[in-house]
């Protein structure tokens, strides 16, 4: 099994720190994030849907893998998590 994960997008650590401040600790780990990035990269121009944005950690991984023509729609119901995702990733 491969133990090293390609570079973690810098925003991930900032999002995780902010999420921890509100007690959220269920974001994806670096291996899962790396897989999400790879999957997104394999869909050039793709239309991606994420259900459960959380604070935006998995969203950041997906965005890191997407090309400039791909689109991502991400849905989150919990207002505090939406606010963190917007703070670091925009709308």
Foldseek 3Di string as FASTA:
>chain_A
DDDDAPDQPPVLVVLCVLLVVVPDDPDDDRVVLSVLLVVQLVAALAEEEAEACFLPNSVVSSVNNYDPNYYYDYDHDDVVSVVNNCVRPND
